[in-house]
Amino acid sequence: MSVQLQGVLVEARLRGLLGPGSLDAHITQAAGFAEAVPDGATFLDLGSGGGVPGLPLLVARDDLTGILVDSATRRIKFLEWAVDQLEMASRVTVAWGRAEELSRSEHLRGALPVVLSRSFGRPAVAAECARGFLAPGGLLVVSEPPAGAPSAPDTGEERWPAEPLRKLGYELGDPYRHRGFGFQVLVAVGDCPAEVPRRPGIPSKRPRF
């Protein structure tokens, strides 16, 4: 981990924007996300918060560009500061707003090959809020709860039911693990359905599954 990145993550923790666990563990999880990101891609970090996984991923792979999305002004100000500290302004866009609205903007609708979701919300919320950003064939990569956690069901199909995913325009991809961290991949099938996502707040208030 670079000194600059360590300083950014320490500041994120001091501001209450980064959860428990060692900084090295956050870096390891970010490296797990990297396994699913194609070479030279632009990714979107959904609910970027303290900048993980987006910032460590950009530090580790200089072939990538990123869009860091968050709806909270406090977190956006931190992300803008962090991008400046890491001298990444040419490779990173920090976007303030609700995913439900940003994913309907002309320049982001159906534009991205990969969206990353770490602690954004329950599976149905992450799936619906990410879908509008994805190009046909694009990937949503979601971090999964640790094995044995109460929120971790026995099978991917229980956590990610096929029929609701089909209505959102996904098919279930393969799960994978990286040094103890689990990930689930969803594949965008065709264009995003016109009704997806619903109005801001509705995906979390009335989840589809």
N, C-alpha and C. Protein backbone atom coordinates (compact mmCIF):
# COMPACT_ATOMS: atom_id res chain seq x y z
N MET A 1 0.84 -1.19 0.00
CA MET A 1 0.00 0.00 0.00
C MET A 1 0.89 1.25 0.00
N SER A 2 0.58 2.18 -0.91
CA SER A 2 1.38 3.41 -0.96
C SER A 2 1.11 4.26 0.28
N VAL A 3 2.07 5.12 0.60
CA VAL A 3 1.92 6.03 1.73
C VAL A 3 0.72 6.95 1.52
N GLN A 4 0.54 7.41 0.28
CA GLN A 4 -0.58 8.31 -0.02
C GLN A 4 -1.92 7.62 0.19
N LEU A 5 -2.03 6.38 -0.31
CA LEU A 5 -3.29 5.65 -0.15
C LEU A 5 -3.55 5.35 1.32
N GLN A 6 -2.52 4.96 2.05
CA GLN A 6 -2.70 4.71 3.48
C GLN A 6 -3.21 5.96 4.18
N GLY A 7 -2.65 7.11 3.84
CA GLY A 7 -3.10 8.36 4.45
C GLY A 7 -4.56 8.66 4.14
N VAL A 8 -4.97 8.39 2.91
CA VAL A 8 -6.37 8.62 2.52
C VAL A 8 -7.31 7.70 3.29
N LEU A 9 -6.94 6.43 3.42
CA LEU A 9 -7.81 5.48 4.12
C LEU A 9 -7.86 5.77 5.62
N VAL A 10 -6.75 6.19 6.19
CA VAL A 10 -6.75 6.59 7.60
C VAL A 10 -7.69 7.78 7.80
N GLU A 11 -7.64 8.74 6.91
CA GLU A 11 -8.53 9.90 7.00
C GLU A 11 -10.00 9.48 6.83
N ALA A 12 -10.25 8.54 5.93
CA ALA A 12 -11.62 8.03 5.76
C ALA A 12 -12.14 7.43 7.05
N ARG A 13 -11.29 6.69 7.73
CA ARG A 13 -11.70 6.09 9.01
C ARG A 13 -11.92 7.16 10.07
N LEU A 14 -11.05 8.15 10.13
CA LEU A 14 -11.21 9.23 11.11
C LEU A 14 -12.52 9.98 10.89
N ARG A 15 -12.95 10.08 9.65
CA ARG A 15 -14.20 10.78 9.33
C ARG A 15 -15.43 9.88 9.45
N GLY A 16 -15.21 8.63 9.84
CA GLY A 16 -16.33 7.70 9.99
C GLY A 16 -16.88 7.18 8.69
N LEU A 17 -16.04 7.15 7.65
CA LEU A 17 -16.49 6.74 6.32
C LEU A 17 -16.01 5.35 5.93
N LEU A 18 -15.23 4.72 6.78
CA LEU A 18 -14.69 3.40 6.49
C LEU A 18 -14.93 2.50 7.68
N GLY A 19 -15.46 1.32 7.42
CA GLY A 19 -15.88 0.42 8.48
C GLY A 19 -14.72 -0.26 9.19
N PRO A 20 -15.05 -1.19 10.10
CA PRO A 20 -14.03 -1.88 10.88
C PRO A 20 -13.18 -2.81 10.02
N GLY A 21 -12.14 -3.32 10.64
CA GLY A 21 -11.21 -4.18 9.93
C GLY A 21 -9.93 -3.42 9.60
N SER A 22 -8.86 -4.16 9.41
CA SER A 22 -7.58 -3.54 9.12
C SER A 22 -7.60 -2.89 7.74
N LEU A 23 -6.75 -1.90 7.55
CA LEU A 23 -6.65 -1.28 6.23
C LEU A 23 -6.20 -2.29 5.19
N ASP A 24 -5.32 -3.21 5.60
CA ASP A 24 -4.88 -4.25 4.66
C ASP A 24 -6.04 -5.12 4.20
N ALA A 25 -7.00 -5.37 5.10
CA ALA A 25 -8.17 -6.17 4.71
C ALA A 25 -9.00 -5.44 3.66
N HIS A 26 -9.15 -4.13 3.80
CA HIS A 26 -9.88 -3.36 2.79
C HIS A 26 -9.16 -3.40 1.45
N ILE A 27 -7.83 -3.34 1.48
CA ILE A 27 -7.05 -3.43 0.24
C ILE A 27 -7.22 -4.80 -0.40
N THR A 28 -7.21 -5.85 0.43
CA THR A 28 -7.38 -7.21 -0.08
C THR A 28 -8.74 -7.38 -0.74
N GLN A 29 -9.78 -6.85 -0.11
CA GLN A 29 -11.11 -6.95 -0.70
C GLN A 29 -11.17 -6.19 -2.03
N ALA A 30 -10.55 -5.02 -2.08
CA ALA A 30 -10.51 -4.26 -3.34
C ALA A 30 -9.82 -5.06 -4.44
N ALA A 31 -8.76 -5.78 -4.07
CA ALA A 31 -8.07 -6.62 -5.04
C ALA A 31 -8.97 -7.73 -5.55
N GLY A 32 -9.89 -8.20 -4.69
CA GLY A 32 -10.86 -9.18 -5.14
C GLY A 32 -11.79 -8.63 -6.20
N PHE A 33 -12.26 -7.41 -6.01
CA PHE A 33 -13.08 -6.77 -7.04
C PHE A 33 -12.33 -6.68 -8.36
N ALA A 34 -11.03 -6.40 -8.27
CA ALA A 34 -10.22 -6.19 -9.47
C ALA A 34 -10.22 -7.40 -10.39
N GLU A 35 -10.41 -8.59 -9.84
CA GLU A 35 -10.40 -9.80 -10.66
C GLU A 35 -11.47 -9.78 -11.74
N ALA A 36 -12.57 -9.06 -11.50
CA ALA A 36 -13.68 -9.05 -12.45
C ALA A 36 -13.67 -7.84 -13.38
N VAL A 37 -12.73 -6.93 -13.21
CA VAL A 37 -12.72 -5.70 -14.00
C VAL A 37 -11.83 -5.89 -15.23
N PRO A 38 -12.40 -5.75 -16.43
CA PRO A 38 -11.60 -5.96 -17.65
C PRO A 38 -10.47 -4.95 -17.80
N ASP A 39 -9.46 -5.32 -18.55
CA ASP A 39 -8.34 -4.42 -18.82
C ASP A 39 -8.84 -3.15 -19.49
N GLY A 40 -8.33 -2.02 -19.04
CA GLY A 40 -8.63 -0.75 -19.68
C GLY A 40 -10.04 -0.23 -19.49
N ALA A 41 -10.79 -0.81 -18.56
CA ALA A 41 -12.21 -0.46 -18.40
C ALA A 41 -12.40 0.79 -17.56
N THR A 42 -13.58 1.38 -17.72
CA THR A 42 -14.07 2.39 -16.78
C THR A 42 -15.09 1.70 -15.89
N PHE A 43 -14.89 1.74 -14.59
CA PHE A 43 -15.83 1.13 -13.65
C PHE A 43 -16.55 2.23 -12.88
N LEU A 44 -17.69 1.86 -12.31
CA LEU A 44 -18.43 2.75 -11.43
C LEU A 44 -18.50 2.12 -10.05
N ASP A 45 -18.09 2.88 -9.04
CA ASP A 45 -18.13 2.44 -7.64
C ASP A 45 -19.41 2.99 -7.03
N LEU A 46 -20.37 2.10 -6.77
CA LEU A 46 -21.71 2.49 -6.34
C LEU A 46 -21.74 2.73 -4.83
N GLY A 47 -22.06 3.94 -4.42
CA GLY A 47 -22.02 4.27 -3.00
C GLY A 47 -20.61 4.23 -2.47
N SER A 48 -19.72 5.00 -3.09
CA SER A 48 -18.28 4.87 -2.84
C SER A 48 -17.88 5.19 -1.41
N GLY A 49 -18.57 6.11 -0.75
CA GLY A 49 -18.32 6.38 0.66
C GLY A 49 -16.90 6.79 0.96
N GLY A 50 -16.15 5.90 1.64
CA GLY A 50 -14.76 6.17 1.97
C GLY A 50 -13.78 5.83 0.87
N GLY A 51 -14.30 5.50 -0.32
CA GLY A 51 -13.43 5.29 -1.47
C GLY A 51 -12.99 3.87 -1.72
N VAL A 52 -13.52 2.91 -0.97
CA VAL A 52 -13.18 1.50 -1.16
C VAL A 52 -14.39 0.79 -1.78
N PRO A 53 -14.20 0.07 -2.88
CA PRO A 53 -12.93 -0.39 -3.46
C PRO A 53 -12.31 0.52 -4.51
N GLY A 54 -13.01 1.60 -4.90
CA GLY A 54 -12.58 2.35 -6.07
C GLY A 54 -11.17 2.89 -6.02
N LEU A 55 -10.81 3.59 -4.93
CA LEU A 55 -9.49 4.22 -4.88
C LEU A 55 -8.34 3.20 -4.85
N PRO A 56 -8.39 2.16 -4.00
CA PRO A 56 -7.32 1.17 -4.04
C PRO A 56 -7.20 0.49 -5.40
N LEU A 57 -8.34 0.27 -6.05
CA LEU A 57 -8.32 -0.36 -7.37
C LEU A 57 -7.61 0.52 -8.39
N LEU A 58 -7.87 1.81 -8.35
CA LEU A 58 -7.22 2.74 -9.27
C LEU A 58 -5.73 2.87 -8.99
N VAL A 59 -5.35 2.81 -7.72
CA VAL A 59 -3.92 2.86 -7.37
C VAL A 59 -3.20 1.61 -7.89
N ALA A 60 -3.86 0.46 -7.76
CA ALA A 60 -3.22 -0.80 -8.14
C ALA A 60 -3.15 -0.99 -9.65
N ARG A 61 -4.13 -0.41 -10.37
CA ARG A 61 -4.20 -0.66 -11.82
C ARG A 61 -4.31 0.67 -12.57
N ASP A 62 -3.20 1.06 -13.17
CA ASP A 62 -3.20 2.35 -13.86
C ASP A 62 -3.83 2.28 -15.25
N ASP A 63 -4.33 1.10 -15.64
CA ASP A 63 -5.05 0.99 -16.91
C ASP A 63 -6.52 1.37 -16.78
N LEU A 64 -6.99 1.58 -15.55
CA LEU A 64 -8.41 1.79 -15.31
C LEU A 64 -8.74 3.26 -15.09
N THR A 65 -10.00 3.60 -15.40
CA THR A 65 -10.58 4.87 -14.98
C THR A 65 -11.83 4.55 -14.17
N GLY A 66 -12.24 5.50 -13.33
CA GLY A 66 -13.35 5.20 -12.43
C GLY A 66 -14.30 6.36 -12.24
N ILE A 67 -15.54 6.01 -11.89
CA ILE A 67 -16.56 6.98 -11.50
C ILE A 67 -16.98 6.61 -10.09
N LEU A 68 -16.80 7.52 -9.15
CA LEU A 68 -17.14 7.28 -7.75
C LEU A 68 -18.45 8.00 -7.45
N VAL A 69 -19.49 7.23 -7.15
CA VAL A 69 -20.83 7.78 -6.96
C VAL A 69 -21.22 7.74 -5.49
N ASP A 70 -21.77 8.84 -5.00
CA ASP A 70 -22.34 8.85 -3.66
C ASP A 70 -23.40 9.95 -3.59
N SER A 71 -24.36 9.75 -2.69
CA SER A 71 -25.47 10.72 -2.58
C SER A 71 -25.29 11.70 -1.43
N ALA A 72 -24.26 11.50 -0.60
CA ALA A 72 -24.05 12.34 0.58
C ALA A 72 -22.97 13.38 0.31
N THR A 73 -23.28 14.64 0.56
CA THR A 73 -22.33 15.72 0.31
C THR A 73 -21.04 15.53 1.10
N ARG A 74 -21.15 15.08 2.35
CA ARG A 74 -19.96 14.89 3.19
C ARG A 74 -19.01 13.87 2.57
N ARG A 75 -19.56 12.79 2.05
CA ARG A 75 -18.72 11.77 1.43
C ARG A 75 -18.14 12.25 0.10
N ILE A 76 -18.92 13.01 -0.65
CA ILE A 76 -18.42 13.54 -1.91
C ILE A 76 -17.24 14.48 -1.68
N LYS A 77 -17.34 15.32 -0.67
CA LYS A 77 -16.23 16.23 -0.36
C LYS A 77 -14.97 15.45 0.00
N PHE A 78 -15.14 14.36 0.76
CA PHE A 78 -13.99 13.52 1.08
C PHE A 78 -13.40 12.91 -0.18
N LEU A 79 -14.25 12.37 -1.05
CA LEU A 79 -13.75 11.72 -2.26
C LEU A 79 -13.01 12.71 -3.15
N GLU A 80 -13.51 13.92 -3.26
CA GLU A 80 -12.81 14.93 -4.06
C GLU A 80 -11.44 15.24 -3.46
N TRP A 81 -11.39 15.34 -2.13
CA TRP A 81 -10.11 15.55 -1.45
C TRP A 81 -9.17 14.38 -1.71
N ALA A 82 -9.69 13.15 -1.60
CA ALA A 82 -8.86 11.96 -1.76
C ALA A 82 -8.29 11.87 -3.17
N VAL A 83 -9.11 12.15 -4.16
CA VAL A 83 -8.64 12.12 -5.55
C VAL A 83 -7.52 13.13 -5.75
N ASP A 84 -7.65 14.29 -5.14
CA ASP A 84 -6.59 15.30 -5.22
C ASP A 84 -5.32 14.82 -4.54
N GLN A 85 -5.45 14.21 -3.37
CA GLN A 85 -4.28 13.71 -2.64
C GLN A 85 -3.54 12.65 -3.43
N LEU A 86 -4.29 11.82 -4.15
CA LEU A 86 -3.70 10.72 -4.91
C LEU A 86 -3.30 11.14 -6.32
N GLU A 87 -3.55 12.40 -6.66
CA GLU A 87 -3.20 12.95 -7.98
C GLU A 87 -3.80 12.11 -9.10
N MET A 88 -5.11 11.86 -8.99
CA MET A 88 -5.82 11.00 -9.94
C MET A 88 -6.92 11.72 -10.71
N ALA A 89 -6.90 13.03 -10.70
CA ALA A 89 -8.02 13.77 -11.29
C ALA A 89 -8.25 13.43 -12.76
N SER A 90 -7.20 13.04 -13.47
CA SER A 90 -7.34 12.72 -14.89
C SER A 90 -8.00 11.37 -15.13
N ARG A 91 -8.09 10.55 -14.07
CA ARG A 91 -8.62 9.19 -14.23
C ARG A 91 -9.91 8.95 -13.46
N VAL A 92 -10.35 9.92 -12.69
CA VAL A 92 -11.48 9.70 -11.79
C VAL A 92 -12.50 10.82 -11.92
N THR A 93 -13.77 10.43 -11.96
CA THR A 93 -14.88 11.38 -11.86
C THR A 93 -15.61 11.11 -10.55
N VAL A 94 -15.83 12.13 -9.76
CA VAL A 94 -16.62 12.01 -8.54
C VAL A 94 -18.01 12.57 -8.84
N ALA A 95 -19.03 11.73 -8.69
CA ALA A 95 -20.39 12.11 -9.09
C ALA A 95 -21.32 12.11 -7.89
N TRP A 96 -21.89 13.26 -7.60
CA TRP A 96 -22.84 13.39 -6.49
C TRP A 96 -24.26 13.17 -7.00
N GLY A 97 -25.01 12.32 -6.29
CA GLY A 97 -26.41 12.13 -6.64
C GLY A 97 -26.90 10.74 -6.29
N ARG A 98 -28.21 10.56 -6.43
CA ARG A 98 -28.83 9.26 -6.22
C ARG A 98 -28.59 8.39 -7.44
N ALA A 99 -28.26 7.13 -7.20
CA ALA A 99 -28.03 6.21 -8.31
C ALA A 99 -29.27 6.09 -9.19
N GLU A 100 -30.46 6.15 -8.57
CA GLU A 100 -31.70 6.02 -9.35
C GLU A 100 -31.84 7.14 -10.37
N GLU A 101 -31.29 8.31 -10.06
CA GLU A 101 -31.36 9.44 -10.99
C GLU A 101 -30.16 9.49 -11.93
N LEU A 102 -28.97 9.28 -11.38
CA LEU A 102 -27.77 9.33 -12.22
C LEU A 102 -27.80 8.27 -13.32
N SER A 103 -28.38 7.10 -13.02
CA SER A 103 -28.40 6.03 -14.02
C SER A 103 -29.36 6.30 -15.16
N ARG A 104 -30.14 7.37 -15.05
CA ARG A 104 -31.02 7.78 -16.16
C ARG A 104 -30.44 8.97 -16.94
N SER A 105 -29.28 9.45 -16.53
CA SER A 105 -28.66 10.56 -17.25
C SER A 105 -28.13 10.07 -18.60
N GLU A 106 -28.13 10.96 -19.57
CA GLU A 106 -27.79 10.57 -20.94
C GLU A 106 -26.39 9.99 -21.04
N HIS A 107 -25.43 10.54 -20.30
CA HIS A 107 -24.05 10.10 -20.45
C HIS A 107 -23.71 8.84 -19.65
N LEU A 108 -24.60 8.41 -18.74
CA LEU A 108 -24.32 7.22 -17.93
C LEU A 108 -25.26 6.05 -18.22
N ARG A 109 -26.42 6.31 -18.80
CA ARG A 109 -27.39 5.23 -19.05
C ARG A 109 -26.80 4.21 -20.01
N GLY A 110 -26.69 2.97 -19.55
CA GLY A 110 -26.20 1.88 -20.39
C GLY A 110 -24.78 2.07 -20.90
N ALA A 111 -23.95 2.77 -20.14
CA ALA A 111 -22.64 3.19 -20.66
C ALA A 111 -21.45 2.41 -20.14
N LEU A 112 -21.63 1.61 -19.09
CA LEU A 112 -20.46 1.08 -18.38
C LEU A 112 -20.33 -0.43 -18.48
N PRO A 113 -19.10 -0.93 -18.54
CA PRO A 113 -18.89 -2.37 -18.59
C PRO A 113 -18.93 -3.05 -17.24
N VAL A 114 -18.75 -2.28 -16.16
CA VAL A 114 -18.72 -2.91 -14.84
C VAL A 114 -19.10 -1.89 -13.76
N VAL A 115 -19.92 -2.36 -12.82
CA VAL A 115 -20.29 -1.60 -11.63
C VAL A 115 -19.88 -2.42 -10.41
N LEU A 116 -19.29 -1.78 -9.42
CA LEU A 116 -18.85 -2.44 -8.20
C LEU A 116 -19.72 -1.99 -7.04
N SER A 117 -20.13 -2.93 -6.20
CA SER A 117 -20.99 -2.61 -5.07
C SER A 117 -20.46 -3.28 -3.81
N ARG A 118 -20.03 -2.45 -2.87
CA ARG A 118 -19.54 -2.93 -1.58
C ARG A 118 -20.37 -2.26 -0.50
N SER A 119 -21.17 -3.03 0.22
CA SER A 119 -21.97 -2.50 1.33
C SER A 119 -22.94 -1.41 0.89
N PHE A 120 -23.44 -1.49 -0.34
CA PHE A 120 -24.38 -0.47 -0.82
C PHE A 120 -25.77 -0.68 -0.24
N GLY A 121 -26.15 -1.93 -0.08
CA GLY A 121 -27.48 -2.23 0.42
C GLY A 121 -27.77 -3.70 0.21
N ARG A 122 -28.99 -4.10 0.53
CA ARG A 122 -29.36 -5.51 0.33
C ARG A 122 -29.31 -5.85 -1.16
N PRO A 123 -29.25 -7.14 -1.50
CA PRO A 123 -29.06 -7.53 -2.90
C PRO A 123 -30.03 -6.88 -3.88
N ALA A 124 -31.32 -6.84 -3.54
CA ALA A 124 -32.31 -6.27 -4.47
C ALA A 124 -32.05 -4.80 -4.74
N VAL A 125 -31.58 -4.08 -3.74
CA VAL A 125 -31.33 -2.64 -3.89
C VAL A 125 -30.11 -2.41 -4.77
N ALA A 126 -29.03 -3.13 -4.51
CA ALA A 126 -27.83 -2.99 -5.32
C ALA A 126 -28.11 -3.36 -6.77
N ALA A 127 -28.85 -4.45 -6.98
CA ALA A 127 -29.14 -4.90 -8.34
C ALA A 127 -29.95 -3.88 -9.11
N GLU A 128 -31.00 -3.33 -8.49
CA GLU A 128 -31.84 -2.38 -9.20
C GLU A 128 -31.12 -1.05 -9.44
N CYS A 129 -30.42 -0.56 -8.44
CA CYS A 129 -29.77 0.75 -8.58
C CYS A 129 -28.59 0.73 -9.53
N ALA A 130 -27.96 -0.43 -9.70
CA ALA A 130 -26.82 -0.53 -10.61
C ALA A 130 -27.23 -0.76 -12.06
N ARG A 131 -28.41 -1.33 -12.28
CA ARG A 131 -28.72 -1.86 -13.62
C ARG A 131 -28.69 -0.80 -14.71
N GLY A 132 -29.21 0.39 -14.44
CA GLY A 132 -29.27 1.41 -15.47
C GLY A 132 -27.93 1.88 -15.99
N PHE A 133 -26.88 1.70 -15.21
CA PHE A 133 -25.54 2.11 -15.63
C PHE A 133 -24.91 1.13 -16.62
N LEU A 134 -25.36 -0.11 -16.62
CA LEU A 134 -24.65 -1.18 -17.31
C LEU A 134 -25.00 -1.28 -18.79
N ALA A 135 -23.97 -1.42 -19.60
CA ALA A 135 -24.14 -1.74 -21.01
C ALA A 135 -24.54 -3.21 -21.14
N PRO A 136 -25.15 -3.61 -22.27
CA PRO A 136 -25.42 -5.02 -22.49
C PRO A 136 -24.15 -5.86 -22.31
N GLY A 137 -24.26 -6.91 -21.53
CA GLY A 137 -23.11 -7.75 -21.24
C GLY A 137 -22.25 -7.24 -20.10
N GLY A 138 -22.60 -6.08 -19.54
CA GLY A 138 -21.85 -5.53 -18.43
C GLY A 138 -22.01 -6.34 -17.16
N LEU A 139 -21.12 -6.13 -16.21
CA LEU A 139 -21.08 -6.92 -14.98
C LEU A 139 -21.34 -6.05 -13.76
N LEU A 140 -22.21 -6.53 -12.89
CA LEU A 140 -22.33 -5.99 -11.54
C LEU A 140 -21.60 -6.95 -10.62
N VAL A 141 -20.62 -6.44 -9.88
CA VAL A 141 -19.84 -7.26 -8.96
C VAL A 141 -20.15 -6.79 -7.55
N VAL A 142 -20.68 -7.70 -6.73
CA VAL A 142 -21.16 -7.36 -5.39
C VAL A 142 -20.36 -8.15 -4.35
N SER A 143 -19.89 -7.46 -3.31
CA SER A 143 -19.24 -8.17 -2.21
C SER A 143 -20.29 -8.90 -1.40
N GLU A 144 -19.97 -10.11 -0.97
CA GLU A 144 -20.90 -10.94 -0.23
C GLU A 144 -20.52 -10.99 1.26
N PRO A 145 -21.50 -11.27 2.13
CA PRO A 145 -21.19 -11.41 3.56
C PRO A 145 -20.23 -12.57 3.79
N PRO A 146 -19.46 -12.52 4.87
CA PRO A 146 -18.57 -13.65 5.19
C PRO A 146 -19.36 -14.94 5.35
N ALA A 147 -18.74 -16.04 5.00
CA ALA A 147 -19.37 -17.35 5.17
C ALA A 147 -19.79 -17.54 6.62
N GLY A 148 -21.02 -18.01 6.81
CA GLY A 148 -21.51 -18.24 8.16
C GLY A 148 -22.20 -17.06 8.79
N ALA A 149 -22.13 -15.88 8.15
CA ALA A 149 -22.82 -14.71 8.70
C ALA A 149 -24.32 -14.89 8.58
N PRO A 150 -25.12 -14.30 9.50
CA PRO A 150 -26.58 -14.46 9.45
C PRO A 150 -27.19 -14.02 8.13
N SER A 151 -26.58 -13.03 7.47
CA SER A 151 -27.14 -12.52 6.21
C SER A 151 -26.65 -13.28 4.99
N ALA A 152 -25.87 -14.34 5.21
CA ALA A 152 -25.33 -15.10 4.09
C ALA A 152 -26.09 -16.42 3.96
N PRO A 153 -27.00 -16.56 2.96
CA PRO A 153 -27.72 -17.80 2.77
C PRO A 153 -26.80 -18.89 2.23
N ASP A 154 -27.32 -20.11 2.22
CA ASP A 154 -26.49 -21.24 1.83
C ASP A 154 -26.11 -21.23 0.36
N THR A 155 -26.98 -20.69 -0.51
CA THR A 155 -26.71 -20.73 -1.93
C THR A 155 -26.92 -19.37 -2.56
N GLY A 156 -26.24 -19.14 -3.67
CA GLY A 156 -26.40 -17.89 -4.39
C GLY A 156 -27.82 -17.68 -4.88
N GLU A 157 -28.53 -18.76 -5.24
CA GLU A 157 -29.88 -18.62 -5.77
C GLU A 157 -30.87 -18.17 -4.70
N GLU A 158 -30.60 -18.46 -3.44
CA GLU A 158 -31.46 -17.96 -2.37
C GLU A 158 -31.29 -16.45 -2.20
N ARG A 159 -30.07 -16.01 -2.28
CA ARG A 159 -29.77 -14.59 -2.11
C ARG A 159 -30.06 -13.80 -3.38
N TRP A 160 -29.93 -14.46 -4.53
CA TRP A 160 -30.09 -13.82 -5.83
C TRP A 160 -31.07 -14.64 -6.68
N PRO A 161 -32.38 -14.55 -6.43
CA PRO A 161 -33.36 -15.39 -7.13
C PRO A 161 -33.46 -15.05 -8.61
N ALA A 162 -33.56 -16.09 -9.43
CA ALA A 162 -33.44 -15.94 -10.88
C ALA A 162 -34.55 -15.10 -11.51
N GLU A 163 -35.80 -15.32 -11.12
CA GLU A 163 -36.90 -14.63 -11.80
C GLU A 163 -36.90 -13.12 -11.55
N PRO A 164 -36.77 -12.65 -10.30
CA PRO A 164 -36.66 -11.20 -10.11
C PRO A 164 -35.45 -10.59 -10.83
N LEU A 165 -34.35 -11.32 -10.88
CA LEU A 165 -33.19 -10.82 -11.61
C LEU A 165 -33.48 -10.71 -13.10
N ARG A 166 -34.21 -11.69 -13.64
CA ARG A 166 -34.57 -11.64 -15.07
C ARG A 166 -35.38 -10.39 -15.38
N LYS A 167 -36.31 -10.03 -14.49
CA LYS A 167 -37.15 -8.85 -14.71
C LYS A 167 -36.34 -7.55 -14.66
N LEU A 168 -35.22 -7.59 -13.95
CA LEU A 168 -34.33 -6.43 -13.91
C LEU A 168 -33.35 -6.42 -15.10
N GLY A 169 -33.35 -7.51 -15.86
CA GLY A 169 -32.44 -7.58 -17.00
C GLY A 169 -31.09 -8.17 -16.68
N TYR A 170 -31.07 -9.13 -15.76
CA TYR A 170 -29.82 -9.80 -15.39
C TYR A 170 -29.95 -11.31 -15.56
N GLU A 171 -28.80 -11.94 -15.69
CA GLU A 171 -28.69 -13.36 -15.40
C GLU A 171 -27.59 -13.53 -14.35
N LEU A 172 -27.72 -14.58 -13.56
CA LEU A 172 -26.78 -14.81 -12.47
C LEU A 172 -25.47 -15.35 -13.00
N GLY A 173 -24.39 -14.64 -12.72
CA GLY A 173 -23.06 -15.11 -13.09
C GLY A 173 -22.47 -15.99 -12.00
N ASP A 174 -21.21 -16.27 -12.12
CA ASP A 174 -20.54 -17.17 -11.18
C ASP A 174 -20.02 -16.40 -9.96
N PRO A 175 -20.23 -16.95 -8.77
CA PRO A 175 -19.58 -16.37 -7.59
C PRO A 175 -18.10 -16.73 -7.59
N TYR A 176 -17.32 -15.99 -6.85
CA TYR A 176 -15.91 -16.33 -6.70
C TYR A 176 -15.40 -15.81 -5.37
N ARG A 177 -14.22 -16.27 -4.99
CA ARG A 177 -13.61 -15.86 -3.73
C ARG A 177 -12.19 -15.37 -3.98
N HIS A 178 -11.77 -14.45 -3.12
CA HIS A 178 -10.41 -13.93 -3.19
C HIS A 178 -9.90 -13.76 -1.77
N ARG A 179 -9.01 -14.62 -1.36
CA ARG A 179 -8.35 -14.54 -0.05
C ARG A 179 -9.35 -14.30 1.08
N GLY A 180 -10.39 -15.13 1.07
CA GLY A 180 -11.37 -15.09 2.15
C GLY A 180 -12.57 -14.20 1.90
N PHE A 181 -12.53 -13.37 0.88
CA PHE A 181 -13.66 -12.49 0.55
C PHE A 181 -14.47 -13.09 -0.59
N GLY A 182 -15.80 -13.01 -0.46
CA GLY A 182 -16.68 -13.56 -1.47
C GLY A 182 -17.31 -12.48 -2.34
N PHE A 183 -17.58 -12.85 -3.60
CA PHE A 183 -18.16 -11.92 -4.57
C PHE A 183 -19.18 -12.65 -5.44
N GLN A 184 -20.22 -11.92 -5.83
CA GLN A 184 -21.21 -12.45 -6.76
C GLN A 184 -21.24 -11.55 -7.98
N VAL A 185 -21.29 -12.18 -9.15
CA VAL A 185 -21.35 -11.44 -10.41
C VAL A 185 -22.74 -11.60 -11.01
N LEU A 186 -23.33 -10.48 -11.44
CA LEU A 186 -24.56 -10.48 -12.23
C LEU A 186 -24.22 -9.94 -13.61
N VAL A 187 -24.81 -10.53 -14.65
CA VAL A 187 -24.53 -10.14 -16.03
C VAL A 187 -25.75 -9.43 -16.61
N ALA A 188 -25.56 -8.23 -17.15
CA ALA A 188 -26.65 -7.48 -17.77
C ALA A 188 -26.99 -8.09 -19.12
N VAL A 189 -28.27 -8.40 -19.31
CA VAL A 189 -28.74 -9.02 -20.56
C VAL A 189 -29.50 -7.97 -21.36
N GLY A 190 -28.95 -7.57 -22.49
CA GLY A 190 -29.61 -6.58 -23.33
C GLY A 190 -29.65 -5.20 -22.68
N ASP A 191 -30.50 -4.34 -23.24
CA ASP A 191 -30.66 -3.00 -22.69
C ASP A 191 -31.42 -3.05 -21.38
N CYS A 192 -31.20 -2.05 -20.54
CA CYS A 192 -31.91 -1.97 -19.27
C CYS A 192 -33.40 -1.75 -19.51
N PRO A 193 -34.28 -2.49 -18.83
CA PRO A 193 -35.71 -2.23 -18.95
C PRO A 193 -36.03 -0.78 -18.64
N ALA A 194 -36.96 -0.20 -19.39
CA ALA A 194 -37.25 1.23 -19.28
C ALA A 194 -37.71 1.63 -17.88
N GLU A 195 -38.37 0.72 -17.18
CA GLU A 195 -38.91 1.04 -15.86
C GLU A 195 -37.89 0.88 -14.73
N VAL A 196 -36.68 0.51 -15.06
CA VAL A 196 -35.63 0.28 -14.07
C VAL A 196 -34.58 1.39 -14.16
N PRO A 197 -34.21 1.99 -13.04
CA PRO A 197 -34.74 1.77 -11.69
C PRO A 197 -35.99 2.60 -11.45
N ARG A 198 -36.65 2.29 -10.35
CA ARG A 198 -37.80 3.09 -9.93
C ARG A 198 -37.34 4.40 -9.30
N ARG A 199 -38.28 5.19 -8.85
CA ARG A 199 -37.97 6.51 -8.30
C ARG A 199 -37.02 6.41 -7.10
N PRO A 200 -36.28 7.49 -6.81
CA PRO A 200 -35.35 7.47 -5.67
C PRO A 200 -36.02 7.03 -4.38
N GLY A 201 -35.38 6.09 -3.70
CA GLY A 201 -35.88 5.57 -2.44
C GLY A 201 -36.79 4.37 -2.55
N ILE A 202 -37.44 4.19 -3.68
CA ILE A 202 -38.38 3.07 -3.83
C ILE A 202 -37.67 1.72 -3.83
N PRO A 203 -36.51 1.55 -4.49
CA PRO A 203 -35.84 0.25 -4.44
C PRO A 203 -35.58 -0.25 -3.02
N SER A 204 -35.26 0.65 -2.09
CA SER A 204 -35.00 0.21 -0.71
C SER A 204 -36.29 0.08 0.10
N LYS A 205 -37.28 0.90 -0.20
CA LYS A 205 -38.55 0.82 0.54
C LYS A 205 -39.37 -0.39 0.11
N ARG A 206 -39.33 -0.71 -1.18
CA ARG A 206 -40.10 -1.83 -1.71
C ARG A 206 -39.20 -2.71 -2.57
N PRO A 207 -38.27 -3.42 -1.95
CA PRO A 207 -37.32 -4.23 -2.73
C PRO A 207 -38.04 -5.31 -3.54
N ARG A 208 -37.50 -5.61 -4.69
CA ARG A 208 -38.12 -6.56 -5.61
C ARG A 208 -37.93 -8.01 -5.18
N PHE A 209 -36.99 -8.27 -4.30
CA PHE A 209 -36.83 -9.63 -3.76
C PHE A 209 -36.10 -9.54 -2.43
